[in-house]
Amino acid sequence: VVPAYLKEWQPYREAGRTFANILNKQPMPDYGMSVMLPKIESPAEVEVQGTENTGIAETDPSAGFLSAAVLTPAGQVFVSQQWLDRVGYGPGFDRQVSDALGRDFSPKLDKIALTAALAGAGSIAYADSAFNLTVPSGFGGFYGAVANAQQVIRTSAGTFANPTAIVVTPFRWAAISGMADSTGRPLIVPNSVGLNPAAEGDFATGDAGIEGAVGFNMLGCEVYQDYNLPAPASGHDQAIVLDPQLTYWLESPAVDRSLPMTKGDSLQVLIQRYGYVCGLPIYPLATQTISGSGMSSAL
């Protein structure tokens, strides 16, 4: 019996682009391979006038530019003309190749965004011997590290921003959501959907998902999962506390193209995807990382 081929296929699935998606989207300029943003580097001054008809304070603020390079993520695949012309089953192979390039495009863009945001970020040390959300009494644990990161963002000279997001790896969120106190009660308290308990999340389904928003706030910040967070050291992960609106993300639409003449002498077709992206933190200290021995992957 001749087999039937379905019109869909099993793609090789990859991580997405959670971090890039929460940043401040800005239009990509029509020209140039770098982006410049004017900045004020120091404050002006206001003081009480000593007496009538006396001089007043004068401090001229200095100015400069923030700059970032426009990068070109790109990928390509060679296929034979015969494969495009003669493959007879199911979906077109060009669709499968384009889909595969797109699935690898997203995490690579996410890593570019992370690299840009972390380049000038501050760092909070979390040096516990093991990961804990809180300590029995006093200041400490992961909550303490998050609170410390928040106050640094809120009090750094020239920044004075309000963090609204925490980004962790799926491993770290699993560790957090699976923790319980000494009596077995979960520290991340499950919500309910009607009369049915939801194991995680406060979405209607109670599903925290693979990546993206988990449905919980922590110390006033929405929590996100991102598989692409870089490891600061072997066997450790890190968390990011930030105001995502203070990192600009410029991205052009991705371009998919097919070039039959590139290797036309051997009947090969080149399928490409490329685009232009740029990450520009306008307040680098509005992003703080949390890392150290407490963020060990050995729970």
Protein backbone atom coordinates (compact mmCIF):
# COMPACT_ATOMS: atom_id res chain seq x y z
CA VAL A 1 0.00 0.00 0.00
CA VAL A 2 1.38 3.41 -0.97
CA PRO A 3 1.93 5.49 2.21
CA ALA A 4 0.09 8.79 2.65
CA TYR A 5 2.19 11.82 3.53
CA LEU A 6 0.69 14.54 5.70
CA LYS A 7 0.93 18.20 4.72
CA GLU A 8 2.66 19.16 7.96
CA TRP A 9 6.00 18.11 9.41
CA GLN A 10 7.82 17.73 12.70
CA PRO A 11 10.12 20.75 13.05
CA TYR A 12 13.24 20.89 15.20
CA ARG A 13 11.96 23.13 17.97
CA GLU A 14 14.19 25.75 19.60
CA ALA A 15 13.94 28.38 22.31
CA GLY A 16 12.26 31.69 21.57
CA ARG A 17 13.07 35.34 22.24
CA THR A 18 11.52 36.28 25.57
CA PHE A 19 14.06 38.92 26.53
CA ALA A 20 14.07 40.70 23.18
CA ASN A 21 10.27 40.77 23.22
CA ILE A 22 10.01 42.70 26.50
CA LEU A 23 12.45 45.48 25.54
CA ASN A 24 11.50 48.93 24.27
CA LYS A 25 10.83 48.49 20.54
CA GLN A 26 12.15 51.30 18.36
CA PRO A 27 12.05 51.60 14.55
CA MET A 28 15.26 50.67 12.74
CA PRO A 29 16.61 53.74 10.86
CA ASP A 30 16.65 53.50 7.08
CA TYR A 31 20.43 53.79 6.83
CA GLY A 32 23.67 53.32 8.77
CA MET A 33 25.43 50.46 10.53
CA SER A 34 25.54 52.20 13.92
CA VAL A 35 22.98 54.06 16.02
CA MET A 36 23.71 57.22 18.02
CA LEU A 37 21.62 58.70 20.83
CA PRO A 38 22.47 62.06 22.47
CA LYS A 39 22.79 61.90 26.24
CA ILE A 40 23.24 64.31 29.14
CA GLU A 41 26.17 63.06 31.22
CA SER A 42 26.05 65.34 34.27
CA PRO A 43 23.43 67.48 36.03
CA ALA A 44 22.82 71.18 36.02
CA GLU A 45 22.80 72.88 39.44
CA VAL A 46 20.22 74.78 41.46
CA GLU A 47 21.11 76.48 44.78
CA VAL A 48 19.46 79.07 47.00
CA GLN A 49 20.61 82.59 46.11
CA GLY A 50 22.72 83.97 48.95
CA THR A 51 21.25 87.48 49.10
CA GLU A 52 19.58 89.85 46.72
CA ASN A 53 21.66 90.95 43.74
CA THR A 54 24.25 88.21 44.24
CA GLY A 55 25.28 85.50 41.81
CA ILE A 56 23.35 82.29 41.42
CA ALA A 57 24.66 78.78 40.94
CA GLU A 58 25.78 77.82 37.47
CA THR A 59 26.88 74.34 36.44
CA ASP A 60 26.72 73.48 32.78
CA PRO A 61 25.75 69.88 32.13
CA SER A 62 28.05 67.92 29.86
CA ALA A 63 26.74 65.98 26.90
CA GLY A 64 27.82 63.08 24.74
CA PHE A 65 26.42 60.18 22.74
CA LEU A 66 25.37 56.62 23.34
CA SER A 67 26.19 54.37 20.42
CA ALA A 68 25.63 50.78 19.38
CA ALA A 69 26.42 48.76 16.29
CA VAL A 70 23.75 47.47 13.93
CA LEU A 71 24.30 43.72 13.59
CA THR A 72 23.27 41.38 10.78
CA PRO A 73 22.12 37.93 11.94
CA ALA A 74 21.92 35.66 8.89
CA GLY A 75 21.69 32.00 7.95
CA GLN A 76 21.49 30.01 4.74
CA VAL A 77 20.92 26.51 3.39
CA PHE A 78 21.88 25.03 0.03
CA VAL A 79 19.35 22.68 -1.60
CA SER A 80 19.23 21.05 -5.01
CA GLN A 81 16.94 22.35 -7.70
CA GLN A 82 15.68 18.79 -8.17
CA TRP A 83 14.54 18.65 -4.57
CA LEU A 84 12.53 21.83 -4.97
CA ASP A 85 11.07 20.72 -8.30
CA ARG A 86 10.46 17.04 -7.78
CA VAL A 87 9.76 16.33 -4.14
CA GLY A 88 6.16 15.23 -4.35
CA TYR A 89 4.82 14.74 -0.87
CA GLY A 90 3.32 17.03 1.72
CA PRO A 91 4.63 20.55 2.26
CA GLY A 92 7.21 22.23 0.07
CA PHE A 93 10.76 21.68 1.25
CA ASP A 94 11.43 25.41 0.83
CA ARG A 95 8.82 26.01 3.55
CA GLN A 96 10.57 23.55 5.83
CA VAL A 97 13.96 25.19 5.30
CA SER A 98 12.53 28.66 5.85
CA ASP A 99 10.83 27.46 9.03
CA ALA A 100 14.09 25.92 10.31
CA LEU A 101 15.98 29.16 9.66
CA GLY A 102 13.26 31.13 11.44
CA ARG A 103 13.34 28.85 14.48
CA ASP A 104 17.08 29.42 14.86
CA PHE A 105 16.71 33.13 14.12
CA SER A 106 14.63 33.86 17.23
CA PRO A 107 17.02 32.58 19.94
CA LYS A 108 20.00 34.17 18.17
CA LEU A 109 18.26 37.56 18.21
CA ASP A 110 17.43 37.01 21.87
CA LYS A 111 21.09 36.35 22.66
CA ILE A 112 22.08 39.55 20.84
CA ALA A 113 19.59 41.49 22.98
CA LEU A 114 20.92 39.88 26.17
CA THR A 115 24.52 40.64 25.25
CA ALA A 116 23.69 44.30 24.62
CA ALA A 117 21.71 44.72 27.85
CA LEU A 118 24.28 42.96 30.05
CA ALA A 119 27.35 44.72 28.63
CA GLY A 120 27.10 47.68 31.03
CA ALA A 121 24.78 46.19 33.64
CA GLY A 122 25.45 46.16 37.34
CA SER A 123 25.96 42.99 39.36
CA ILE A 124 24.49 41.82 42.67
CA ALA A 125 26.30 39.00 44.45
CA TYR A 126 24.14 36.25 45.92
CA ALA A 127 26.59 34.18 47.93
CA ASP A 128 24.45 31.72 49.91
CA SER A 129 25.71 28.15 50.10
CA ALA A 130 22.40 26.97 48.62
CA PHE A 131 19.48 28.62 46.85
CA ASN A 132 16.73 29.89 49.13
CA LEU A 133 13.91 32.30 48.43
CA THR A 134 14.11 33.79 51.91
CA VAL A 135 15.98 33.37 55.16
CA PRO A 136 14.25 32.49 58.48
CA SER A 137 14.67 36.03 59.78
CA GLY A 138 16.23 39.23 58.57
CA PHE A 139 17.38 40.25 55.10
CA GLY A 140 18.67 37.63 52.66
CA GLY A 141 17.94 34.84 50.26
CA PHE A 142 16.97 35.36 46.63
CA TYR A 143 14.31 37.87 47.71
CA GLY A 144 17.03 39.88 49.41
CA ALA A 145 19.18 39.85 46.27
CA VAL A 146 16.21 41.00 44.16
CA ALA A 147 15.43 43.78 46.66
CA ASN A 148 19.07 44.83 46.60
CA ALA A 149 19.03 44.98 42.79
CA GLN A 150 15.85 47.05 42.91
CA GLN A 151 17.29 49.63 45.27
CA VAL A 152 20.46 49.96 43.17
CA ILE A 153 18.35 50.67 40.07
CA ARG A 154 16.22 53.15 41.99
CA THR A 155 19.13 55.05 43.54
CA SER A 156 21.93 55.01 40.94
CA ALA A 157 22.89 58.58 40.09
CA GLY A 158 21.48 59.68 36.76
CA THR A 159 19.33 56.54 36.48
CA PHE A 160 16.64 56.58 39.22
CA ALA A 161 14.51 54.01 37.41
CA ASN A 162 11.85 51.61 38.61
CA PRO A 163 12.47 47.92 37.79
CA THR A 164 9.40 46.09 36.51
CA ALA A 165 10.72 42.70 35.36
CA ILE A 166 12.74 39.74 36.60
CA VAL A 167 14.09 37.25 34.05
CA VAL A 168 15.19 33.77 35.16
CA THR A 169 15.97 30.50 33.44
CA PRO A 170 13.26 27.81 33.24
CA PHE A 171 15.41 25.78 35.65
CA ARG A 172 15.41 28.58 38.21
CA TRP A 173 11.67 29.14 37.95
CA ALA A 174 11.08 25.41 38.39
CA ALA A 175 13.23 25.55 41.53
CA ILE A 176 11.32 28.57 42.86
CA SER A 177 7.85 27.26 42.10
CA GLY A 178 8.69 23.83 43.55
CA MET A 179 9.98 25.10 46.91
CA ALA A 180 8.05 24.52 50.13
CA ASP A 181 8.39 25.57 53.75
CA SER A 182 9.18 23.24 56.65
CA THR A 183 5.58 22.05 56.80
CA GLY A 184 5.36 21.23 53.10
CA ARG A 185 3.35 24.27 52.06
CA PRO A 186 4.43 25.73 48.67
CA LEU A 187 6.17 29.09 48.85
CA ILE A 188 4.70 30.09 45.49
CA VAL A 189 1.09 29.70 46.50
CA PRO A 190 -1.07 28.04 43.82
CA ASN A 191 -3.99 30.05 42.54
CA SER A 192 -7.39 28.58 41.83
CA VAL A 193 -9.50 28.52 38.69
CA GLY A 194 -13.04 28.26 39.95
CA LEU A 195 -13.02 25.31 42.31
CA ASN A 196 -10.05 23.64 40.63
CA PRO A 197 -6.52 24.29 41.88
CA ALA A 198 -3.98 25.58 39.37
CA ALA A 199 -0.52 24.21 40.03
CA GLU A 200 1.25 27.31 38.73
CA GLY A 201 0.52 30.68 37.29
CA ASP A 202 -2.43 33.01 37.59
CA PHE A 203 -3.53 32.69 33.98
CA ALA A 204 -6.97 31.20 33.33
CA THR A 205 -5.43 27.81 32.65
CA GLY A 206 -2.92 27.96 35.48
CA ASP A 207 -0.18 27.15 32.97
CA ALA A 208 3.17 28.91 33.35
CA GLY A 209 4.23 27.81 29.87
CA ILE A 210 7.64 27.01 28.47
CA GLU A 211 8.95 30.57 28.32
CA GLY A 212 7.72 34.13 28.68
CA ALA A 213 5.66 35.48 31.57
CA VAL A 214 5.03 32.91 34.30
CA GLY A 215 1.94 34.67 35.68
CA PHE A 216 3.47 35.75 39.00
CA ASN A 217 4.95 38.97 40.33
CA MET A 218 7.91 38.99 42.70
CA LEU A 219 8.44 42.10 44.82
CA GLY A 220 6.36 44.08 42.33
CA CYS A 221 8.21 42.79 39.22
CA GLU A 222 6.68 40.49 36.63
CA VAL A 223 8.65 37.25 36.31
CA TYR A 224 9.70 35.86 32.92
CA GLN A 225 11.43 32.63 31.85
CA ASP A 226 14.14 32.76 29.19
CA TYR A 227 16.12 29.70 28.14
CA ASN A 228 18.82 31.86 26.50
CA LEU A 229 20.17 33.54 29.66
CA PRO A 230 23.96 33.13 29.57
CA ALA A 231 25.60 31.16 32.38
CA PRO A 232 28.05 33.39 34.32
CA ALA A 233 30.05 30.34 35.43
CA SER A 234 29.99 26.59 35.03
CA GLY A 235 27.17 25.03 37.05
CA HIS A 236 25.53 28.38 37.80
CA ASP A 237 22.81 30.49 36.27
CA GLN A 238 21.84 34.11 36.82
CA ALA A 239 18.75 36.29 37.12
CA ILE A 240 18.18 39.74 35.65
CA VAL A 241 16.26 42.56 37.34
CA LEU A 242 15.53 45.48 35.04
CA ASP A 243 13.30 48.16 33.64
CA PRO A 244 13.00 46.76 30.10
CA GLN A 245 11.73 50.08 28.73
CA LEU A 246 15.18 51.57 29.30
CA THR A 247 16.87 49.29 26.78
CA TYR A 248 16.03 50.11 23.17
CA TRP A 249 15.63 47.23 20.72
CA LEU A 250 15.77 48.11 17.04
CA GLU A 251 14.87 45.36 14.60
CA SER A 252 14.14 45.32 10.89
CA PRO A 253 11.72 42.79 9.38
CA ALA A 254 13.51 39.53 8.57
CA VAL A 255 14.20 38.97 4.88
CA ASP A 256 13.72 35.53 3.33
CA ARG A 257 15.08 35.05 -0.17
CA SER A 258 15.88 32.29 -2.65
CA LEU A 259 18.91 32.65 -4.95
CA PRO A 260 18.89 30.10 -7.78
CA MET A 261 21.83 31.65 -9.66
CA THR A 262 24.40 31.55 -6.85
CA LYS A 263 25.27 27.92 -7.59
CA GLY A 264 23.43 27.64 -10.85
CA ASP A 265 26.30 25.76 -12.50
CA SER A 266 25.44 22.75 -10.28
CA LEU A 267 21.67 23.32 -10.00
CA GLN A 268 21.82 24.36 -6.36
CA VAL A 269 19.53 26.93 -4.78
CA LEU A 270 20.55 29.11 -1.84
CA ILE A 271 17.80 29.85 0.70
CA GLN A 272 18.65 32.69 3.12
CA ARG A 273 17.22 34.61 6.03
CA TYR A 274 18.80 37.79 7.35
CA GLY A 275 17.88 40.97 9.19
CA TYR A 276 19.29 43.97 11.05
CA VAL A 277 19.12 44.42 14.82
CA CYS A 278 20.58 46.75 17.44
CA GLY A 279 20.39 46.72 21.24
CA LEU A 280 20.99 50.06 22.97
CA PRO A 281 20.75 50.37 26.79
CA ILE A 282 19.98 54.03 27.43
CA TYR A 283 20.49 53.52 31.18
CA PRO A 284 22.86 50.56 31.61
CA LEU A 285 22.49 50.50 35.41
CA ALA A 286 18.73 50.04 35.04
CA THR A 287 19.70 46.41 34.45
CA GLN A 288 21.19 44.40 37.33
CA THR A 289 22.24 40.77 37.31
CA ILE A 290 22.09 38.38 40.29
CA SER A 291 24.75 35.67 40.37
CA GLY A 292 27.02 33.83 42.77
CA SER A 293 27.20 30.61 44.73
CA GLY A 294 23.53 30.83 45.68
CA MET A 295 22.60 30.45 42.01
CA SER A 296 24.16 27.00 41.71
CA SER A 297 22.32 24.51 39.53
CA ALA A 298 22.81 21.85 42.24
CA LEU A 299 19.65 22.08 44.35
